[in-house]
Amino acid sequence: MPYIEAKLSVKLDETQKNELQAKLTEVVSASFSKPKAYIMAGIEDGKSLYMAEKKLEKGAYISISLLGSASKPACQTLTGNICSILSEYGIDGSSVYVTYHPVDLWGWNGSMF
């Protein structure tokens, strides 16, 4: 039930998008003990991202929504893992924001979890 929303300023080809999705899904699954089968990811590349009023050539915003809450240590570890993954695409951690959004109500397949 986590949803990973990735917005990147860099352009990726389909192979890179599939690879990034798999890597993000893996670390989110491991961090929150959630089955990969319930994780959804969206990747938007070529986005205009700005930090400190300056356009980022290589930057990212990652938003993770999850059912229930997560501990700060788990989020800290996951943030490090995400930044490590993004560095493989030339994106430095200083140009990455990661946010976490706990959700109490989550629907799927016509019902609620």
PDB file of N, CA and C in Angstrom:
ATOM      1  N   MET A   1       0.764  -1.198   0.000  1.00  0.00           N
ATOM      2  CA  MET A   1       0.000   0.000   0.000  1.00  0.00           C
ATOM      3  C   MET A   1       0.812   1.273   0.000  1.00  0.00           C
ATOM      4  N   PRO A   2       2.094   1.214   0.130  1.00  0.00           N
ATOM      5  CA  PRO A   2       2.814   2.463  -0.097  1.00  0.00           C
ATOM      6  C   PRO A   2       2.709   2.902  -1.558  1.00  0.00           C
ATOM      7  N   TYR A   3       2.702   4.200  -1.735  1.00  0.00           N
ATOM      8  CA  TYR A   3       2.780   4.789  -3.070  1.00  0.00           C
ATOM      9  C   TYR A   3       4.033   5.647  -3.103  1.00  0.00           C
ATOM     10  N   ILE A   4       4.876   5.393  -4.076  1.00  0.00           N
ATOM     11  CA  ILE A   4       6.121   6.140  -4.253  1.00  0.00           C
ATOM     12  C   ILE A   4       5.935   7.066  -5.443  1.00  0.00           C
ATOM     13  N   GLU A   5       6.036   8.348  -5.203  1.00  0.00           N
ATOM     14  CA  GLU A   5       5.946   9.319  -6.291  1.00  0.00           C
ATOM     15  C   GLU A   5       7.323   9.948  -6.457  1.00  0.00           C
ATOM     16  N   ALA A   6       7.924   9.748  -7.629  1.00  0.00           N
ATOM     17  CA  ALA A   6       9.260  10.267  -7.903  1.00  0.00           C
ATOM     18  C   ALA A   6       9.183  11.299  -9.017  1.00  0.00           C
ATOM     19  N   LYS A   7       9.652  12.491  -8.721  1.00  0.00           N
ATOM     20  CA  LYS A   7       9.741  13.559  -9.714  1.00  0.00           C
ATOM     21  C   LYS A   7      11.216  13.897  -9.877  1.00  0.00           C
ATOM     22  N   LEU A   8      11.720  13.739 -11.089  1.00  0.00           N
ATOM     23  CA  LEU A   8      13.137  13.934 -11.369  1.00  0.00           C
ATOM     24  C   LEU A   8      13.315  15.013 -12.422  1.00  0.00           C
ATOM     25  N   SER A   9      14.366  15.799 -12.283  1.00  0.00           N
ATOM     26  CA  SER A   9      14.646  16.799 -13.305  1.00  0.00           C
ATOM     27  C   SER A   9      15.358  16.171 -14.504  1.00  0.00           C
ATOM     28  N   VAL A  10      16.020  15.044 -14.306  1.00  0.00           N
ATOM     29  CA  VAL A  10      16.732  14.374 -15.398  1.00  0.00           C
ATOM     30  C   VAL A  10      15.750  13.538 -16.231  1.00  0.00           C
ATOM     31  N   LYS A  11      16.116  13.297 -17.492  1.00  0.00           N
ATOM     32  CA  LYS A  11      15.317  12.434 -18.364  1.00  0.00           C
ATOM     33  C   LYS A  11      15.866  11.010 -18.273  1.00  0.00           C
ATOM     34  N   LEU A  12      14.966  10.052 -18.212  1.00  0.00           N
ATOM     35  CA  LEU A  12      15.337   8.640 -18.173  1.00  0.00           C
ATOM     36  C   LEU A  12      14.675   7.911 -19.335  1.00  0.00           C
ATOM     37  N   ASP A  13      15.352   6.894 -19.849  1.00  0.00           N
ATOM     38  CA  ASP A  13      14.689   6.063 -20.854  1.00  0.00           C
ATOM     39  C   ASP A  13      13.839   5.019 -20.117  1.00  0.00           C
ATOM     40  N   GLU A  14      13.058   4.252 -20.853  1.00  0.00           N
ATOM     41  CA  GLU A  14      12.139   3.290 -20.215  1.00  0.00           C
ATOM     42  C   GLU A  14      12.874   2.248 -19.381  1.00  0.00           C
ATOM     43  N   THR A  15      14.022   1.804 -19.850  1.00  0.00           N
ATOM     44  CA  THR A  15      14.801   0.826 -19.086  1.00  0.00           C
ATOM     45  C   THR A  15      15.230   1.421 -17.751  1.00  0.00           C
ATOM     46  N   GLN A  16      15.688   2.658 -17.762  1.00  0.00           N
ATOM     47  CA  GLN A  16      16.098   3.325 -16.519  1.00  0.00           C
ATOM     48  C   GLN A  16      14.916   3.537 -15.593  1.00  0.00           C
ATOM     49  N   LYS A  17      13.753   3.894 -16.152  1.00  0.00           N
ATOM     50  CA  LYS A  17      12.556   4.074 -15.310  1.00  0.00           C
ATOM     51  C   LYS A  17      12.176   2.763 -14.635  1.00  0.00           C
ATOM     52  N   ASN A  18      12.187   1.687 -15.399  1.00  0.00           N
ATOM     53  CA  ASN A  18      11.844   0.379 -14.831  1.00  0.00           C
ATOM     54  C   ASN A  18      12.848  -0.025 -13.756  1.00  0.00           C
ATOM     55  N   GLU A  19      14.110   0.241 -14.001  1.00  0.00           N
ATOM     56  CA  GLU A  19      15.163  -0.067 -13.038  1.00  0.00           C
ATOM     57  C   GLU A  19      14.992   0.761 -11.759  1.00  0.00           C
ATOM     58  N   LEU A  20      14.747   2.061 -11.913  1.00  0.00           N
ATOM     59  CA  LEU A  20      14.557   2.936 -10.758  1.00  0.00           C
ATOM     60  C   LEU A  20      13.336   2.515  -9.957  1.00  0.00           C
ATOM     61  N   GLN A  21      12.253   2.214 -10.644  1.00  0.00           N
ATOM     62  CA  GLN A  21      11.042   1.761  -9.963  1.00  0.00           C
ATOM     63  C   GLN A  21      11.327   0.518  -9.142  1.00  0.00           C
ATOM     64  N   ALA A  22      12.050  -0.435  -9.711  1.00  0.00           N
ATOM     65  CA  ALA A  22      12.358  -1.680  -9.004  1.00  0.00           C
ATOM     66  C   ALA A  22      13.218  -1.411  -7.766  1.00  0.00           C
ATOM     67  N   LYS A  23      14.200  -0.542  -7.894  1.00  0.00           N
ATOM     68  CA  LYS A  23      15.086  -0.230  -6.766  1.00  0.00           C
ATOM     69  C   LYS A  23      14.336   0.497  -5.655  1.00  0.00           C
ATOM     70  N   LEU A  24      13.500   1.469  -6.024  1.00  0.00           N
ATOM     71  CA  LEU A  24      12.725   2.197  -5.011  1.00  0.00           C
ATOM     72  C   LEU A  24      11.731   1.271  -4.330  1.00  0.00           C
ATOM     73  N   THR A  25      11.076   0.428  -5.107  1.00  0.00           N
ATOM     74  CA  THR A  25      10.121  -0.525  -4.537  1.00  0.00           C
ATOM     75  C   THR A  25      10.820  -1.455  -3.555  1.00  0.00           C
ATOM     76  N   GLU A  26      12.007  -1.911  -3.897  1.00  0.00           N
ATOM     77  CA  GLU A  26      12.763  -2.818  -3.029  1.00  0.00           C
ATOM     78  C   GLU A  26      13.079  -2.172  -1.678  1.00  0.00           C
ATOM     79  N   VAL A  27      13.604  -0.943  -1.692  1.00  0.00           N
ATOM     80  CA  VAL A  27      13.994  -0.323  -0.417  1.00  0.00           C
ATOM     81  C   VAL A  27      12.776   0.075   0.417  1.00  0.00           C
ATOM     82  N   VAL A  28      11.687   0.487  -0.228  1.00  0.00           N
ATOM     83  CA  VAL A  28      10.468   0.816   0.522  1.00  0.00           C
ATOM     84  C   VAL A  28       9.879  -0.451   1.129  1.00  0.00           C
ATOM     85  N   SER A  29       9.844  -1.520   0.360  1.00  0.00           N
ATOM     86  CA  SER A  29       9.344  -2.800   0.868  1.00  0.00           C
ATOM     87  C   SER A  29      10.142  -3.255   2.085  1.00  0.00           C
ATOM     88  N   ALA A  30      11.459  -3.186   1.981  1.00  0.00           N
ATOM     89  CA  ALA A  30      12.319  -3.617   3.086  1.00  0.00           C
ATOM     90  C   ALA A  30      12.190  -2.704   4.299  1.00  0.00           C
ATOM     91  N   SER A  31      12.075  -1.405   4.078  1.00  0.00           N
ATOM     92  CA  SER A  31      12.013  -0.447   5.192  1.00  0.00           C
ATOM     93  C   SER A  31      10.738  -0.550   6.005  1.00  0.00           C
ATOM     94  N   PHE A  32       9.620  -0.820   5.316  1.00  0.00           N
ATOM     95  CA  PHE A  32       8.330  -0.820   6.000  1.00  0.00           C
ATOM     96  C   PHE A  32       7.691  -2.208   6.087  1.00  0.00           C
ATOM     97  N   SER A  33       8.438  -3.239   5.707  1.00  0.00           N
ATOM     98  CA  SER A  33       7.929  -4.623   5.724  1.00  0.00           C
ATOM     99  C   SER A  33       6.592  -4.742   4.999  1.00  0.00           C
ATOM    100  N   LYS A  34       6.529  -4.136   3.825  1.00  0.00           N
ATOM    101  CA  LYS A  34       5.316  -4.185   3.005  1.00  0.00           C
ATOM    102  C   LYS A  34       5.594  -5.056   1.785  1.00  0.00           C
ATOM    103  N   PRO A  35       4.649  -5.913   1.408  1.00  0.00           N
ATOM    104  CA  PRO A  35       4.850  -6.751   0.222  1.00  0.00           C
ATOM    105  C   PRO A  35       4.963  -5.902  -1.049  1.00  0.00           C
ATOM    106  N   LYS A  36       5.895  -6.264  -1.910  1.00  0.00           N
ATOM    107  CA  LYS A  36       6.072  -5.542  -3.169  1.00  0.00           C
ATOM    108  C   LYS A  36       4.787  -5.539  -3.999  1.00  0.00           C
ATOM    109  N   ALA A  37       3.982  -6.576  -3.851  1.00  0.00           N
ATOM    110  CA  ALA A  37       2.752  -6.694  -4.632  1.00  0.00           C
ATOM    111  C   ALA A  37       1.768  -5.562  -4.355  1.00  0.00           C
ATOM    112  N   TYR A  38       1.906  -4.885  -3.216  1.00  0.00           N
ATOM    113  CA  TYR A  38       1.002  -3.794  -2.859  1.00  0.00           C
ATOM    114  C   TYR A  38       1.620  -2.415  -3.019  1.00  0.00           C
ATOM    115  N   ILE A  39       2.826  -2.343  -3.548  1.00  0.00           N
ATOM    116  CA  ILE A  39       3.492  -1.051  -3.709  1.00  0.00           C
ATOM    117  C   ILE A  39       3.277  -0.529  -5.118  1.00  0.00           C
ATOM    118  N   MET A  40       2.838   0.724  -5.206  1.00  0.00           N
ATOM    119  CA  MET A  40       2.660   1.398  -6.494  1.00  0.00           C
ATOM    120  C   MET A  40       3.697   2.504  -6.587  1.00  0.00           C
ATOM    121  N   ALA A  41       4.220   2.707  -7.791  1.00  0.00           N
ATOM    122  CA  ALA A  41       5.214   3.768  -7.994  1.00  0.00           C
ATOM    123  C   ALA A  41       4.860   4.560  -9.246  1.00  0.00           C
ATOM    124  N   GLY A  42       5.108   5.847  -9.185  1.00  0.00           N
ATOM    125  CA  GLY A  42       4.948   6.721 -10.338  1.00  0.00           C
ATOM    126  C   GLY A  42       6.243   7.495 -10.526  1.00  0.00           C
ATOM    127  N   ILE A  43       6.751   7.509 -11.743  1.00  0.00           N
ATOM    128  CA  ILE A  43       8.002   8.213 -12.018  1.00  0.00           C
ATOM    129  C   ILE A  43       7.749   9.241 -13.111  1.00  0.00           C
ATOM    130  N   GLU A  44       8.012  10.489 -12.778  1.00  0.00           N
ATOM    131  CA  GLU A  44       7.910  11.589 -13.735  1.00  0.00           C
ATOM    132  C   GLU A  44       9.305  12.163 -13.913  1.00  0.00           C
ATOM    133  N   ASP A  45       9.800  12.099 -15.131  1.00  0.00           N
ATOM    134  CA  ASP A  45      11.133  12.628 -15.389  1.00  0.00           C
ATOM    135  C   ASP A  45      11.037  13.920 -16.197  1.00  0.00           C
ATOM    136  N   GLY A  46      12.160  14.599 -16.338  1.00  0.00           N
ATOM    137  CA  GLY A  46      12.191  15.843 -17.102  1.00  0.00           C
ATOM    138  C   GLY A  46      11.381  16.970 -16.478  1.00  0.00           C
ATOM    139  N   LYS A  47      11.185  16.921 -15.156  1.00  0.00           N
ATOM    140  CA  LYS A  47      10.414  17.947 -14.448  1.00  0.00           C
ATOM    141  C   LYS A  47      11.294  19.166 -14.160  1.00  0.00           C
ATOM    142  N   SER A  48      10.681  20.323 -14.155  1.00  0.00           N
ATOM    143  CA  SER A  48      11.383  21.532 -13.731  1.00  0.00           C
ATOM    144  C   SER A  48      11.314  21.606 -12.218  1.00  0.00           C
ATOM    145  N   LEU A  49      12.448  21.436 -11.573  1.00  0.00           N
ATOM    146  CA  LEU A  49      12.543  21.506 -10.120  1.00  0.00           C
ATOM    147  C   LEU A  49      13.472  22.645  -9.746  1.00  0.00           C
ATOM    148  N   TYR A  50      13.106  23.351  -8.690  1.00  0.00           N
ATOM    149  CA  TYR A  50      13.883  24.504  -8.239  1.00  0.00           C
ATOM    150  C   TYR A  50      14.171  24.359  -6.758  1.00  0.00           C
ATOM    151  N   MET A  51      15.373  24.769  -6.371  1.00  0.00           N
ATOM    152  CA  MET A  51      15.738  24.793  -4.961  1.00  0.00           C
ATOM    153  C   MET A  51      16.505  26.090  -4.735  1.00  0.00           C
ATOM    154  N   ALA A  52      16.129  26.813  -3.699  1.00  0.00           N
ATOM    155  CA  ALA A  52      16.753  28.109  -3.400  1.00  0.00           C
ATOM    156  C   ALA A  52      16.672  29.027  -4.624  1.00  0.00           C
ATOM    157  N   GLU A  53      15.524  28.971  -5.297  1.00  0.00           N
ATOM    158  CA  GLU A  53      15.223  29.805  -6.461  1.00  0.00           C
ATOM    159  C   GLU A  53      16.119  29.528  -7.663  1.00  0.00           C
ATOM    160  N   LYS A  54      16.792  28.384  -7.648  1.00  0.00           N
ATOM    161  CA  LYS A  54      17.685  28.019  -8.739  1.00  0.00           C
ATOM    162  C   LYS A  54      17.203  26.713  -9.361  1.00  0.00           C
ATOM    163  N   LYS A  55      17.124  26.699 -10.693  1.00  0.00           N
ATOM    164  CA  LYS A  55      16.680  25.484 -11.384  1.00  0.00           C
ATOM    165  C   LYS A  55      17.724  24.386 -11.209  1.00  0.00           C
ATOM    166  N   LEU A  56      17.243  23.200 -10.842  1.00  0.00           N
ATOM    167  CA  LEU A  56      18.124  22.056 -10.644  1.00  0.00           C
ATOM    168  C   LEU A  56      18.296  21.297 -11.958  1.00  0.00           C
ATOM    169  N   GLU A  57      19.516  21.158 -12.398  1.00  0.00           N
ATOM    170  CA  GLU A  57      19.787  20.336 -13.578  1.00  0.00           C
ATOM    171  C   GLU A  57      19.597  18.860 -13.218  1.00  0.00           C
ATOM    172  N   LYS A  58      20.002  18.512 -12.000  1.00  0.00           N
ATOM    173  CA  LYS A  58      19.877  17.141 -11.519  1.00  0.00           C
ATOM    174  C   LYS A  58      19.345  17.191 -10.090  1.00  0.00           C
ATOM    175  N   GLY A  59      18.051  16.969  -9.957  1.00  0.00           N
ATOM    176  CA  GLY A  59      17.416  16.992  -8.650  1.00  0.00           C
ATOM    177  C   GLY A  59      16.229  16.054  -8.632  1.00  0.00           C
ATOM    178  N   ALA A  60      15.683  15.827  -7.439  1.00  0.00           N
ATOM    179  CA  ALA A  60      14.542  14.922  -7.312  1.00  0.00           C
ATOM    180  C   ALA A  60      13.707  15.259  -6.086  1.00  0.00           C
ATOM    181  N   TYR A  61      12.420  14.979  -6.211  1.00  0.00           N
ATOM    182  CA  TYR A  61      11.489  15.033  -5.093  1.00  0.00           C
ATOM    183  C   TYR A  61      10.824  13.669  -5.017  1.00  0.00           C
ATOM    184  N   ILE A  62      10.937  13.024  -3.882  1.00  0.00           N
ATOM    185  CA  ILE A  62      10.350  11.709  -3.673  1.00  0.00           C
ATOM    186  C   ILE A  62       9.327  11.827  -2.548  1.00  0.00           C
ATOM    187  N   SER A  63       8.118  11.404  -2.822  1.00  0.00           N
ATOM    188  CA  SER A  63       7.040  11.433  -1.842  1.00  0.00           C
ATOM    189  C   SER A  63       6.566  10.001  -1.615  1.00  0.00           C
ATOM    190  N   ILE A  64       6.490   9.609  -0.348  1.00  0.00           N
ATOM    191  CA  ILE A  64       6.060   8.254  -0.025  1.00  0.00           C
ATOM    192  C   ILE A  64       4.841   8.324   0.882  1.00  0.00           C
ATOM    193  N   SER A  65       3.739   7.800   0.386  1.00  0.00           N
ATOM    194  CA  SER A  65       2.517   7.689   1.174  1.00  0.00           C
ATOM    195  C   SER A  65       2.401   6.241   1.648  1.00  0.00           C
ATOM    196  N   LEU A  66       2.023   6.057   2.908  1.00  0.00           N
ATOM    197  CA  LEU A  66       1.898   4.703   3.406  1.00  0.00           C
ATOM    198  C   LEU A  66       0.766   4.595   4.412  1.00  0.00           C
ATOM    199  N   LEU A  67       0.182   3.417   4.453  1.00  0.00           N
ATOM    200  CA  LEU A  67      -0.884   3.142   5.402  1.00  0.00           C
ATOM    201  C   LEU A  67      -0.294   3.081   6.795  1.00  0.00           C
ATOM    202  N   GLY A  68      -0.827   3.905   7.692  1.00  0.00           N
ATOM    203  CA  GLY A  68      -0.304   3.942   9.050  1.00  0.00           C
ATOM    204  C   GLY A  68       0.913   4.839   9.136  1.00  0.00           C
ATOM    205  N   SER A  69       1.667   4.687  10.190  1.00  0.00           N
ATOM    206  CA  SER A  69       2.815   5.567  10.410  1.00  0.00           C
ATOM    207  C   SER A  69       4.124   4.785  10.297  1.00  0.00           C
ATOM    208  N   ALA A  70       5.213   5.532  10.273  1.00  0.00           N
ATOM    209  CA  ALA A  70       6.545   4.933  10.228  1.00  0.00           C
ATOM    210  C   ALA A  70       7.416   5.662  11.237  1.00  0.00           C
ATOM    211  N   SER A  71       8.405   4.976  11.751  1.00  0.00           N
ATOM    212  CA  SER A  71       9.301   5.597  12.729  1.00  0.00           C
ATOM    213  C   SER A  71      10.308   6.500  12.032  1.00  0.00           C
ATOM    214  N   LYS A  72      10.777   7.503  12.755  1.00  0.00           N
ATOM    215  CA  LYS A  72      11.787   8.405  12.211  1.00  0.00           C
ATOM    216  C   LYS A  72      13.065   7.647  11.842  1.00  0.00           C
ATOM    217  N   PRO A  73      13.539   6.701  12.656  1.00  0.00           N
ATOM    218  CA  PRO A  73      14.737   5.942  12.249  1.00  0.00           C
ATOM    219  C   PRO A  73      14.543   5.165  10.934  1.00  0.00           C
ATOM    220  N   ALA A  74      13.364   4.578  10.744  1.00  0.00           N
ATOM    221  CA  ALA A  74      13.102   3.860   9.490  1.00  0.00           C
ATOM    222  C   ALA A  74      13.120   4.824   8.307  1.00  0.00           C
ATOM    223  N   CYS A  75      12.533   5.995   8.487  1.00  0.00           N
ATOM    224  CA  CYS A  75      12.521   7.007   7.425  1.00  0.00           C
ATOM    225  C   CYS A  75      13.929   7.542   7.171  1.00  0.00           C
ATOM    226  N   GLN A  76      14.720   7.702   8.227  1.00  0.00           N
ATOM    227  CA  GLN A  76      16.107   8.165   8.073  1.00  0.00           C
ATOM    228  C   GLN A  76      16.906   7.180   7.223  1.00  0.00           C
ATOM    229  N   THR A  77      16.795   5.905   7.541  1.00  0.00           N
ATOM    230  CA  THR A  77      17.507   4.871   6.781  1.00  0.00           C
ATOM    231  C   THR A  77      17.034   4.852   5.337  1.00  0.00           C
ATOM    232  N   LEU A  78      15.727   4.917   5.146  1.00  0.00           N
ATOM    233  CA  LEU A  78      15.168   4.895   3.795  1.00  0.00           C
ATOM    234  C   LEU A  78      15.612   6.116   3.000  1.00  0.00           C
ATOM    235  N   THR A  79      15.639   7.283   3.621  1.00  0.00           N
ATOM    236  CA  THR A  79      16.096   8.492   2.932  1.00  0.00           C
ATOM    237  C   THR A  79      17.532   8.308   2.439  1.00  0.00           C
ATOM    238  N   GLY A  80      18.389   7.739   3.271  1.00  0.00           N
ATOM    239  CA  GLY A  80      19.765   7.459   2.861  1.00  0.00           C
ATOM    240  C   GLY A  80      19.822   6.499   1.686  1.00  0.00           C
ATOM    241  N   ASN A  81      18.999   5.457   1.741  1.00  0.00           N
ATOM    242  CA  ASN A  81      18.967   4.482   0.650  1.00  0.00           C
ATOM    243  C   ASN A  81      18.470   5.110  -0.651  1.00  0.00           C
ATOM    244  N   ILE A  82      17.451   5.945  -0.548  1.00  0.00           N
ATOM    245  CA  ILE A  82      16.911   6.616  -1.731  1.00  0.00           C
ATOM    246  C   ILE A  82      17.965   7.535  -2.349  1.00  0.00           C
ATOM    247  N   CYS A  83      18.653   8.302  -1.514  1.00  0.00           N
ATOM    248  CA  CYS A  83      19.698   9.193  -2.030  1.00  0.00           C
ATOM    249  C   CYS A  83      20.821   8.403  -2.683  1.00  0.00           C
ATOM    250  N   SER A  84      21.151   7.258  -2.132  1.00  0.00           N
ATOM    251  CA  SER A  84      22.174   6.397  -2.724  1.00  0.00           C
ATOM    252  C   SER A  84      21.733   5.899  -4.102  1.00  0.00           C
ATOM    253  N   ILE A  85      20.492   5.488  -4.209  1.00  0.00           N
ATOM    254  CA  ILE A  85      19.957   5.035  -5.498  1.00  0.00           C
ATOM    255  C   ILE A  85      19.986   6.170  -6.512  1.00  0.00           C
ATOM    256  N   LEU A  86      19.534   7.347  -6.106  1.00  0.00           N
ATOM    257  CA  LEU A  86      19.474   8.475  -7.038  1.00  0.00           C
ATOM    258  C   LEU A  86      20.861   8.919  -7.480  1.00  0.00           C
ATOM    259  N   SER A  87      21.876   8.690  -6.650  1.00  0.00           N
ATOM    260  CA  SER A  87      23.237   9.050  -7.045  1.00  0.00           C
ATOM    261  C   SER A  87      23.685   8.244  -8.260  1.00  0.00           C
ATOM    262  N   GLU A  88      23.105   7.061  -8.448  1.00  0.00           N
ATOM    263  CA  GLU A  88      23.413   6.241  -9.623  1.00  0.00           C
ATOM    264  C   GLU A  88      22.935   6.897 -10.923  1.00  0.00           C
ATOM    265  N   TYR A  89      22.036   7.864 -10.791  1.00  0.00           N
ATOM    266  CA  TYR A  89      21.504   8.594 -11.943  1.00  0.00           C
ATOM    267  C   TYR A  89      22.071  10.008 -11.998  1.00  0.00           C
ATOM    268  N   GLY A  90      23.144  10.237 -11.257  1.00  0.00           N
ATOM    269  CA  GLY A  90      23.823  11.527 -11.267  1.00  0.00           C
ATOM    270  C   GLY A  90      23.175  12.597 -10.410  1.00  0.00           C
ATOM    271  N   ILE A  91      22.273  12.196  -9.510  1.00  0.00           N
ATOM    272  CA  ILE A  91      21.559  13.153  -8.658  1.00  0.00           C
ATOM    273  C   ILE A  91      22.175  13.120  -7.263  1.00  0.00           C
ATOM    274  N   ASP A  92      22.740  14.235  -6.845  1.00  0.00           N
ATOM    275  CA  ASP A  92      23.368  14.350  -5.534  1.00  0.00           C
ATOM    276  C   ASP A  92      22.304  14.508  -4.448  1.00  0.00           C
ATOM    277  N   GLY A  93      22.555  13.904  -3.299  1.00  0.00           N
ATOM    278  CA  GLY A  93      21.612  13.965  -2.181  1.00  0.00           C
ATOM    279  C   GLY A  93      21.268  15.371  -1.737  1.00  0.00           C
ATOM    280  N   SER A  94      22.156  16.327  -1.961  1.00  0.00           N
ATOM    281  CA  SER A  94      21.869  17.711  -1.574  1.00  0.00           C
ATOM    282  C   SER A  94      20.814  18.357  -2.471  1.00  0.00           C
ATOM    283  N   SER A  95      20.446  17.666  -3.541  1.00  0.00           N
ATOM    284  CA  SER A  95      19.401  18.157  -4.451  1.00  0.00           C
ATOM    285  C   SER A  95      18.180  17.241  -4.436  1.00  0.00           C
ATOM    286  N   VAL A  96      17.986  16.561  -3.298  1.00  0.00           N
ATOM    287  CA  VAL A  96      16.878  15.609  -3.157  1.00  0.00           C
ATOM    288  C   VAL A  96      16.077  15.942  -1.905  1.00  0.00           C
ATOM    289  N   TYR A  97      14.768  16.018  -2.056  1.00  0.00           N
ATOM    290  CA  TYR A  97      13.862  16.076  -0.913  1.00  0.00           C
ATOM    291  C   TYR A  97      13.065  14.779  -0.892  1.00  0.00           C
ATOM    292  N   VAL A  98      12.877  14.214   0.295  1.00  0.00           N
ATOM    293  CA  VAL A  98      12.052  13.025   0.478  1.00  0.00           C
ATOM    294  C   VAL A  98      11.033  13.357   1.560  1.00  0.00           C
ATOM    295  N   THR A  99       9.763  13.153   1.262  1.00  0.00           N
ATOM    296  CA  THR A  99       8.722  13.391   2.261  1.00  0.00           C
ATOM    297  C   THR A  99       7.940  12.104   2.498  1.00  0.00           C
ATOM    298  N   TYR A 100       7.388  11.985   3.707  1.00  0.00           N
ATOM    299  CA  TYR A 100       6.632  10.801   4.124  1.00  0.00           C
ATOM    300  C   TYR A 100       5.239  11.237   4.543  1.00  0.00           C
ATOM    301  N   HIS A 101       4.256  10.495   4.082  1.00  0.00           N
ATOM    302  CA  HIS A 101       2.864  10.863   4.317  1.00  0.00           C
ATOM    303  C   HIS A 101       2.085   9.664   4.856  1.00  0.00           C
ATOM    304  N   PRO A 102       1.927   9.584   6.182  1.00  0.00           N
ATOM    305  CA  PRO A 102       1.113   8.509   6.740  1.00  0.00           C
ATOM    306  C   PRO A 102      -0.365   8.753   6.425  1.00  0.00           C
ATOM    307  N   VAL A 103      -1.047   7.673   6.076  1.00  0.00           N
ATOM    308  CA  VAL A 103      -2.461   7.745   5.696  1.00  0.00           C
ATOM    309  C   VAL A 103      -3.239   6.758   6.570  1.00  0.00           C
ATOM    310  N   ASP A 104      -4.333   7.217   7.172  1.00  0.00           N
ATOM    311  CA  ASP A 104      -5.147   6.339   8.007  1.00  0.00           C
ATOM    312  C   ASP A 104      -6.135   5.508   7.196  1.00  0.00           C
ATOM    313  N   LEU A 105      -6.666   6.096   6.143  1.00  0.00           N
ATOM    314  CA  LEU A 105      -7.671   5.409   5.331  1.00  0.00           C
ATOM    315  C   LEU A 105      -7.108   5.164   3.936  1.00  0.00           C
ATOM    316  N   TRP A 106      -7.176   3.904   3.502  1.00  0.00           N
ATOM    317  CA  TRP A 106      -6.615   3.549   2.202  1.00  0.00           C
ATOM    318  C   TRP A 106      -7.543   2.531   1.554  1.00  0.00           C
ATOM    319  N   GLY A 107      -8.036   2.859   0.381  1.00  0.00           N
ATOM    320  CA  GLY A 107      -8.928   1.967  -0.328  1.00  0.00           C
ATOM    321  C   GLY A 107      -8.230   1.227  -1.450  1.00  0.00           C
ATOM    322  N   TRP A 108      -8.737   0.033  -1.756  1.00  0.00           N
ATOM    323  CA  TRP A 108      -8.188  -0.773  -2.847  1.00  0.00           C
ATOM    324  C   TRP A 108      -9.216  -1.822  -3.254  1.00  0.00           C
ATOM    325  N   ASN A 109      -9.380  -1.984  -4.517  1.00  0.00           N
ATOM    326  CA  ASN A 109     -10.214  -3.046  -5.058  1.00  0.00           C
ATOM    327  C   ASN A 109     -11.644  -3.020  -4.497  1.00  0.00           C
ATOM    328  N   GLY A 110     -12.199  -1.835  -4.351  1.00  0.00           N
ATOM    329  CA  GLY A 110     -13.579  -1.697  -3.912  1.00  0.00           C
ATOM    330  C   GLY A 110     -13.797  -1.765  -2.421  1.00  0.00           C
ATOM    331  N   SER A 111     -12.729  -1.843  -1.626  1.00  0.00           N
ATOM    332  CA  SER A 111     -12.904  -1.886  -0.167  1.00  0.00           C
ATOM    333  C   SER A 111     -11.760  -1.131   0.501  1.00  0.00           C
ATOM    334  N   MET A 112     -11.695  -1.220   1.801  1.00  0.00           N
ATOM    335  CA  MET A 112     -10.690  -0.517   2.583  1.00  0.00           C
ATOM    336  C   MET A 112      -9.756  -1.512   3.246  1.00  0.00           C
ATOM    337  N   PHE A 113      -8.484  -1.107   3.373  1.00  0.00           N
ATOM    338  CA  PHE A 113      -7.547  -1.925   4.147  1.00  0.00           C
ATOM    339  C   PHE A 113      -7.856  -1.748   5.616  1.00  0.00           C
TER     340      PHE A 113
END
